[in-house]
Amino acid sequence: MKHLITYPNLPQRMLKARDGLMAHFRPILNHFGLTEQQWRILRSLDEFGQLEPREICEACQISSPSMAGILTRMENAGLIARDGISGDQRRVIVHLSPKGMKLLGKIGPLIDQQYAYIEQACGKQIFVDLFAVLDKFIDLKDRPIKQVDLP
């Protein structure tokens, strides 16, 4: 049977690559009782300091309805804190709590070591090239690319 689509399924390959990579980090996250979504939030807050929930949704690729529950569970666990923004009662800012920072201090060296092992297995240049290529794909959303005409 002839294939009807000639290009390889790039989104599916990216998902498989992500899953293959995360297999090396899940044992660390599981050891500390974190879900992958919680870990993405902790990493983003570590990187950016404080974010509004909508910014966390974008940074972590988590839907808004899911985010509300995840943030509530993380706040109940003492990993994050939410503070109101003065002048706008509808908005909140999320940041790491002292417990969240302490947890990152324990996990961070393990995550870095695991990255180093992966880099040793694959080679440093693959990491450099991969980040460059991924950045180009991420930037596609801001480029004017022609869209097919729909029937």
C-alpha atoms as a PDB file:
ATOM      1  CA  MET A   1       0.000   0.000   0.000  1.00  0.00           C
ATOM      2  CA  LYS A   2       1.288   3.423  -0.946  1.00  0.00           C
ATOM      3  CA  HIS A   3       1.701   6.036   1.791  1.00  0.00           C
ATOM      4  CA  LEU A   4      -0.641   8.960   1.329  1.00  0.00           C
ATOM      5  CA  ILE A   5       1.592  11.406   3.224  1.00  0.00           C
ATOM      6  CA  THR A   6       5.227  11.623   2.137  1.00  0.00           C
ATOM      7  CA  TYR A   7       6.755  13.610   5.003  1.00  0.00           C
ATOM      8  CA  PRO A   8       7.715  11.762   8.197  1.00  0.00           C
ATOM      9  CA  ASN A   9       5.445  12.506  11.172  1.00  0.00           C
ATOM     10  CA  LEU A  10       7.638  15.125  12.855  1.00  0.00           C
ATOM     11  CA  PRO A  11       5.316  15.947  15.797  1.00  0.00           C
ATOM     12  CA  GLN A  12       5.069  12.251  16.646  1.00  0.00           C
ATOM     13  CA  ARG A  13       8.858  11.858  16.484  1.00  0.00           C
ATOM     14  CA  MET A  14       9.289  14.871  18.747  1.00  0.00           C
ATOM     15  CA  LEU A  15       6.894  13.311  21.255  1.00  0.00           C
ATOM     16  CA  LYS A  16       8.809  10.014  21.125  1.00  0.00           C
ATOM     17  CA  ALA A  17      12.100  11.853  21.593  1.00  0.00           C
ATOM     18  CA  ARG A  18      10.646  13.735  24.565  1.00  0.00           C
ATOM     19  CA  ASP A  19       9.398  10.506  26.088  1.00  0.00           C
ATOM     20  CA  GLY A  20      12.780   8.835  25.541  1.00  0.00           C
ATOM     21  CA  LEU A  21      14.546  11.737  27.205  1.00  0.00           C
ATOM     22  CA  MET A  22      12.115  11.937  30.109  1.00  0.00           C
ATOM     23  CA  ALA A  23      12.633   8.224  30.816  1.00  0.00           C
ATOM     24  CA  HIS A  24      16.045   9.239  32.179  1.00  0.00           C
ATOM     25  CA  PHE A  25      14.555  11.881  34.496  1.00  0.00           C
ATOM     26  CA  ARG A  26      11.330  10.224  35.695  1.00  0.00           C
ATOM     27  CA  PRO A  27      13.098   8.133  38.354  1.00  0.00           C
ATOM     28  CA  ILE A  28      14.411  11.348  39.935  1.00  0.00           C
ATOM     29  CA  LEU A  29      11.004  13.019  39.824  1.00  0.00           C
ATOM     30  CA  ASN A  30       9.287   9.902  41.162  1.00  0.00           C
ATOM     31  CA  HIS A  31      11.805   9.650  44.005  1.00  0.00           C
ATOM     32  CA  PHE A  32      10.803  13.141  45.139  1.00  0.00           C
ATOM     33  CA  GLY A  33       7.074  12.585  44.513  1.00  0.00           C
ATOM     34  CA  LEU A  34       6.760  15.039  41.623  1.00  0.00           C
ATOM     35  CA  THR A  35       4.745  14.750  38.449  1.00  0.00           C
ATOM     36  CA  GLU A  36       6.246  15.912  35.180  1.00  0.00           C
ATOM     37  CA  GLN A  37       3.851  18.872  35.132  1.00  0.00           C
ATOM     38  CA  GLN A  38       4.884  19.900  38.651  1.00  0.00           C
ATOM     39  CA  TRP A  39       8.528  19.608  37.632  1.00  0.00           C
ATOM     40  CA  ARG A  40       7.996  21.830  34.577  1.00  0.00           C
ATOM     41  CA  ILE A  41       6.383  24.436  36.813  1.00  0.00           C
ATOM     42  CA  LEU A  42       9.204  24.294  39.366  1.00  0.00           C
ATOM     43  CA  ARG A  43      11.792  24.629  36.573  1.00  0.00           C
ATOM     44  CA  SER A  44       9.982  27.615  35.074  1.00  0.00           C
ATOM     45  CA  LEU A  45       9.662  29.368  38.424  1.00  0.00           C
ATOM     46  CA  ASP A  46      13.339  28.667  39.080  1.00  0.00           C
ATOM     47  CA  GLU A  47      14.206  30.191  35.715  1.00  0.00           C
ATOM     48  CA  PHE A  48      11.881  33.200  35.770  1.00  0.00           C
ATOM     49  CA  GLY A  49      11.412  33.830  39.501  1.00  0.00           C
ATOM     50  CA  GLN A  50       7.717  34.562  39.468  1.00  0.00           C
ATOM     51  CA  LEU A  51       5.009  34.194  36.867  1.00  0.00           C
ATOM     52  CA  GLU A  52       1.299  34.626  36.468  1.00  0.00           C
ATOM     53  CA  PRO A  53      -0.626  31.374  35.897  1.00  0.00           C
ATOM     54  CA  ARG A  54      -1.239  32.184  32.214  1.00  0.00           C
ATOM     55  CA  GLU A  55       2.528  32.658  31.767  1.00  0.00           C
ATOM     56  CA  ILE A  56       3.165  29.309  33.445  1.00  0.00           C
ATOM     57  CA  CYS A  57       0.648  27.705  31.064  1.00  0.00           C
ATOM     58  CA  GLU A  58       2.596  29.001  28.094  1.00  0.00           C
ATOM     59  CA  ALA A  59       6.053  28.237  29.493  1.00  0.00           C
ATOM     60  CA  CYS A  60       5.100  24.708  30.564  1.00  0.00           C
ATOM     61  CA  GLN A  61       2.648  23.790  27.805  1.00  0.00           C
ATOM     62  CA  ILE A  62      -0.101  22.983  30.318  1.00  0.00           C
ATOM     63  CA  SER A  63      -3.740  23.864  29.667  1.00  0.00           C
ATOM     64  CA  SER A  64      -5.365  26.487  31.859  1.00  0.00           C
ATOM     65  CA  PRO A  65      -8.030  24.136  33.310  1.00  0.00           C
ATOM     66  CA  SER A  66      -5.319  21.656  34.345  1.00  0.00           C
ATOM     67  CA  MET A  67      -3.074  24.409  35.685  1.00  0.00           C
ATOM     68  CA  ALA A  68      -5.570  25.520  38.325  1.00  0.00           C
ATOM     69  CA  GLY A  69      -5.644  22.087  39.945  1.00  0.00           C
ATOM     70  CA  ILE A  70      -1.898  21.553  39.685  1.00  0.00           C
ATOM     71  CA  LEU A  71      -1.145  24.919  41.312  1.00  0.00           C
ATOM     72  CA  THR A  72      -3.631  24.212  44.106  1.00  0.00           C
ATOM     73  CA  ARG A  73      -1.977  20.857  44.840  1.00  0.00           C
ATOM     74  CA  MET A  74       1.490  22.420  44.728  1.00  0.00           C
ATOM     75  CA  GLU A  75       0.399  25.228  47.046  1.00  0.00           C
ATOM     76  CA  ASN A  76      -1.162  22.698  49.451  1.00  0.00           C
ATOM     77  CA  ALA A  77       2.126  20.759  49.397  1.00  0.00           C
ATOM     78  CA  GLY A  78       3.981  23.972  50.250  1.00  0.00           C
ATOM     79  CA  LEU A  79       6.048  24.025  47.034  1.00  0.00           C
ATOM     80  CA  ILE A  80       4.752  27.331  45.693  1.00  0.00           C
ATOM     81  CA  ALA A  81       3.027  30.432  46.972  1.00  0.00           C
ATOM     82  CA  ARG A  82       0.490  32.656  45.251  1.00  0.00           C
ATOM     83  CA  ASP A  83       0.187  36.334  45.983  1.00  0.00           C
ATOM     84  CA  GLY A  84      -2.321  38.852  44.698  1.00  0.00           C
ATOM     85  CA  ILE A  85      -1.179  41.658  42.443  1.00  0.00           C
ATOM     86  CA  SER A  86      -1.917  45.023  43.984  1.00  0.00           C
ATOM     87  CA  GLY A  87      -4.430  47.006  42.008  1.00  0.00           C
ATOM     88  CA  ASP A  88      -5.954  43.963  40.301  1.00  0.00           C
ATOM     89  CA  GLN A  89      -7.746  41.446  42.486  1.00  0.00           C
ATOM     90  CA  ARG A  90      -8.241  39.056  39.560  1.00  0.00           C
ATOM     91  CA  ARG A  91      -4.529  38.481  38.993  1.00  0.00           C
ATOM     92  CA  VAL A  92      -2.063  36.463  41.051  1.00  0.00           C
ATOM     93  CA  ILE A  93       1.655  35.894  40.881  1.00  0.00           C
ATOM     94  CA  VAL A  94       3.156  32.472  41.576  1.00  0.00           C
ATOM     95  CA  HIS A  95       6.629  31.930  43.018  1.00  0.00           C
ATOM     96  CA  LEU A  96       8.618  29.208  44.720  1.00  0.00           C
ATOM     97  CA  SER A  97       8.116  28.823  48.441  1.00  0.00           C
ATOM     98  CA  PRO A  98      11.098  28.162  50.720  1.00  0.00           C
ATOM     99  CA  LYS A  99      10.149  24.456  50.651  1.00  0.00           C
ATOM    100  CA  GLY A 100      10.052  24.528  46.844  1.00  0.00           C
ATOM    101  CA  MET A 101      13.481  26.180  46.714  1.00  0.00           C
ATOM    102  CA  LYS A 102      14.846  23.575  49.131  1.00  0.00           C
ATOM    103  CA  LEU A 103      13.442  20.780  46.975  1.00  0.00           C
ATOM    104  CA  LEU A 104      15.018  22.295  43.856  1.00  0.00           C
ATOM    105  CA  GLY A 105      18.305  22.430  45.742  1.00  0.00           C
ATOM    106  CA  LYS A 106      18.100  18.673  46.270  1.00  0.00           C
ATOM    107  CA  ILE A 107      16.877  17.755  42.787  1.00  0.00           C
ATOM    108  CA  GLY A 108      18.962  20.229  40.778  1.00  0.00           C
ATOM    109  CA  PRO A 109      22.319  18.475  41.148  1.00  0.00           C
ATOM    110  CA  LEU A 110      20.735  15.125  40.244  1.00  0.00           C
ATOM    111  CA  ILE A 111      19.090  16.593  37.136  1.00  0.00           C
ATOM    112  CA  ASP A 112      22.382  18.221  36.099  1.00  0.00           C
ATOM    113  CA  GLN A 113      24.241  14.941  36.618  1.00  0.00           C
ATOM    114  CA  GLN A 114      21.678  13.054  34.536  1.00  0.00           C
ATOM    115  CA  TYR A 115      22.059  15.625  31.741  1.00  0.00           C
ATOM    116  CA  ALA A 116      25.827  15.133  31.928  1.00  0.00           C
ATOM    117  CA  TYR A 117      25.385  11.357  31.541  1.00  0.00           C
ATOM    118  CA  ILE A 118      23.119  11.858  28.537  1.00  0.00           C
ATOM    119  CA  GLU A 119      25.580  14.323  27.051  1.00  0.00           C
ATOM    120  CA  GLN A 120      28.406  11.802  27.535  1.00  0.00           C
ATOM    121  CA  ALA A 121      26.339   9.140  25.754  1.00  0.00           C
ATOM    122  CA  CYS A 122      25.294  11.384  22.838  1.00  0.00           C
ATOM    123  CA  GLY A 123      28.105  13.896  22.591  1.00  0.00           C
ATOM    124  CA  LYS A 124      28.149  17.585  23.444  1.00  0.00           C
ATOM    125  CA  GLN A 125      27.713  18.704  19.825  1.00  0.00           C
ATOM    126  CA  ILE A 126      24.370  16.900  19.553  1.00  0.00           C
ATOM    127  CA  PHE A 127      23.117  18.940  22.507  1.00  0.00           C
ATOM    128  CA  VAL A 128      24.311  22.177  20.905  1.00  0.00           C
ATOM    129  CA  ASP A 129      22.789  21.262  17.537  1.00  0.00           C
ATOM    130  CA  LEU A 130      19.536  20.015  19.069  1.00  0.00           C
ATOM    131  CA  PHE A 131      18.946  23.212  21.041  1.00  0.00           C
ATOM    132  CA  ALA A 132      19.615  25.290  17.917  1.00  0.00           C
ATOM    133  CA  VAL A 133      17.192  23.232  15.808  1.00  0.00           C
ATOM    134  CA  LEU A 134      14.506  23.213  18.503  1.00  0.00           C
ATOM    135  CA  ASP A 135      14.768  26.995  18.853  1.00  0.00           C
ATOM    136  CA  LYS A 136      14.191  27.319  15.115  1.00  0.00           C
ATOM    137  CA  PHE A 137      11.072  25.164  15.327  1.00  0.00           C
ATOM    138  CA  ILE A 138       9.809  27.109  18.336  1.00  0.00           C
ATOM    139  CA  ASP A 139      10.297  30.343  16.394  1.00  0.00           C
ATOM    140  CA  LEU A 140       8.118  29.062  13.520  1.00  0.00           C
ATOM    141  CA  LYS A 141       5.032  30.327  15.339  1.00  0.00           C
ATOM    142  CA  ASP A 142       6.284  33.888  14.796  1.00  0.00           C
ATOM    143  CA  ARG A 143       7.210  33.464  11.124  1.00  0.00           C
ATOM    144  CA  PRO A 144       4.825  34.174   8.265  1.00  0.00           C
ATOM    145  CA  ILE A 145       4.521  30.729   6.687  1.00  0.00           C
ATOM    146  CA  LYS A 146       1.989  30.195   3.962  1.00  0.00           C
ATOM    147  CA  GLN A 147      -0.937  27.996   4.953  1.00  0.00           C
ATOM    148  CA  VAL A 148      -2.594  25.542   2.599  1.00  0.00           C
ATOM    149  CA  ASP A 149      -5.923  26.525   1.078  1.00  0.00           C
ATOM    150  CA  LEU A 150      -8.628  24.382   2.641  1.00  0.00           C
ATOM    151  CA  PRO A 151     -11.314  22.847   0.442  1.00  0.00           C
END
